[in-house]
C-alpha atoms as a PDB file:
ATOM      1  CA  MET A   1     -45.561 -89.723  91.796  1.00  0.00           C
ATOM      2  CA  ASP A   2     -44.322 -87.955  88.715  1.00  0.00           C
ATOM      3  CA  PHE A   3     -41.197 -85.866  89.108  1.00  0.00           C
ATOM      4  CA  ASN A   4     -39.120 -83.761  86.733  1.00  0.00           C
ATOM      5  CA  GLY A   5     -35.915 -82.091  87.742  1.00  0.00           C
ATOM      6  CA  PHE A   6     -34.948 -78.604  86.471  1.00  0.00           C
ATOM      7  CA  GLN A   7     -31.994 -78.030  84.209  1.00  0.00           C
ATOM      8  CA  GLU A   8     -30.405 -75.625  86.606  1.00  0.00           C
ATOM      9  CA  ARG A   9     -30.484 -78.365  89.300  1.00  0.00           C
ATOM     10  CA  PRO A  10     -29.620 -81.437  87.470  1.00  0.00           C
ATOM     11  CA  LEU A  11     -30.298 -84.701  89.145  1.00  0.00           C
ATOM     12  CA  ARG A  12     -27.314 -87.119  89.779  1.00  0.00           C
ATOM     13  CA  LYS A  13     -27.778 -90.868  89.018  1.00  0.00           C
ATOM     14  CA  ASP A  14     -28.233 -92.860  92.331  1.00  0.00           C
ATOM     15  CA  ALA A  15     -28.657 -89.779  94.332  1.00  0.00           C
ATOM     16  CA  PHE A  16     -31.185 -89.697  97.291  1.00  0.00           C
ATOM     17  CA  LEU A  17     -33.676 -86.892  97.402  1.00  0.00           C
ATOM     18  CA  LYS A  18     -35.807 -85.481 100.167  1.00  0.00           C
ATOM     19  CA  VAL A  19     -38.996 -84.463  98.438  1.00  0.00           C
ATOM     20  CA  THR A  20     -41.743 -82.133  99.863  1.00  0.00           C
ATOM     21  CA  TRP A  21     -45.102 -83.153  98.245  1.00  0.00           C
ATOM     22  CA  ASN A  22     -48.332 -81.400  98.372  1.00  0.00           C
ATOM     23  CA  LYS A  23     -51.634 -83.221  97.483  1.00  0.00           C
ATOM     24  CA  ASN A  24     -52.824 -80.225  95.352  1.00  0.00           C
ATOM     25  CA  LYS A  25     -49.514 -79.135  93.821  1.00  0.00           C
ATOM     26  CA  GLY A  26     -47.451 -82.282  93.673  1.00  0.00           C
ATOM     27  CA  VAL A  27     -43.636 -81.873  94.361  1.00  0.00           C
ATOM     28  CA  THR A  28     -43.115 -78.365  95.767  1.00  0.00           C
ATOM     29  CA  SER A  29     -39.308 -78.767  96.688  1.00  0.00           C
ATOM     30  CA  TYR A  30     -36.476 -81.228  96.635  1.00  0.00           C
ATOM     31  CA  GLU A  31     -32.996 -81.456  97.970  1.00  0.00           C
ATOM     32  CA  GLU A  32     -30.226 -84.047  97.702  1.00  0.00           C
ATOM     33  CA  VAL A  33     -29.357 -85.911 100.940  1.00  0.00           C
ATOM     34  CA  GLN A  34     -26.648 -88.312 101.912  1.00  0.00           C
ATOM     35  CA  ALA A  35     -27.498 -91.997 102.482  1.00  0.00           C
ATOM     36  CA  LYS A  36     -26.473 -91.555 106.164  1.00  0.00           C
ATOM     37  CA  ASP A  37     -29.233 -89.018 106.531  1.00  0.00           C
ATOM     38  CA  ILE A  38     -32.183 -91.274 105.458  1.00  0.00           C
ATOM     39  CA  PRO A  39     -34.521 -92.246 108.292  1.00  0.00           C
ATOM     40  CA  THR A  40     -34.387 -95.905 109.230  1.00  0.00           C
ATOM     41  CA  ALA A  41     -37.944 -96.710 108.146  1.00  0.00           C
ATOM     42  CA  ALA A  42     -37.305 -95.219 104.658  1.00  0.00           C
ATOM     43  CA  LYS A  43     -34.060 -97.263 104.342  1.00  0.00           C
ATOM     44  CA  GLU A  44     -35.984-100.406 105.174  1.00  0.00           C
ATOM     45  CA  LYS A  45     -38.592 -99.645 102.449  1.00  0.00           C
ATOM     46  CA  LEU A  46     -35.954 -98.936 100.019  1.00  0.00           C
ATOM     47  CA  SER A  47     -34.106-102.183 100.619  1.00  0.00           C
ATOM     48  CA  LYS A  48     -37.460-104.115 100.372  1.00  0.00           C
ATOM     49  CA  GLY A  49     -38.373-102.006  97.187  1.00  0.00           C
ATOM     50  CA  THR A  50     -41.860-101.145  98.667  1.00  0.00           C
ATOM     51  CA  VAL A  51     -43.665 -98.096  98.292  1.00  0.00           C
ATOM     52  CA  ASP A  52     -46.597 -96.758 100.529  1.00  0.00           C
ATOM     53  CA  ASN A  53     -49.145 -95.206  98.180  1.00  0.00           C
ATOM     54  CA  GLY A  54     -51.412 -94.304 101.116  1.00  0.00           C
END
């Protein structure tokens, strides 16, 4: 997935983002979330460094 942030909403280093993705349009929205709000399954994948491209 390619992702470019906009200047009016700069991305912070090491921030976690909740991304809404559409097959036809790509990323349609994003918001920063706290680490405590990341679902358990996603945290496990992050810790293992795995990505599901399915």
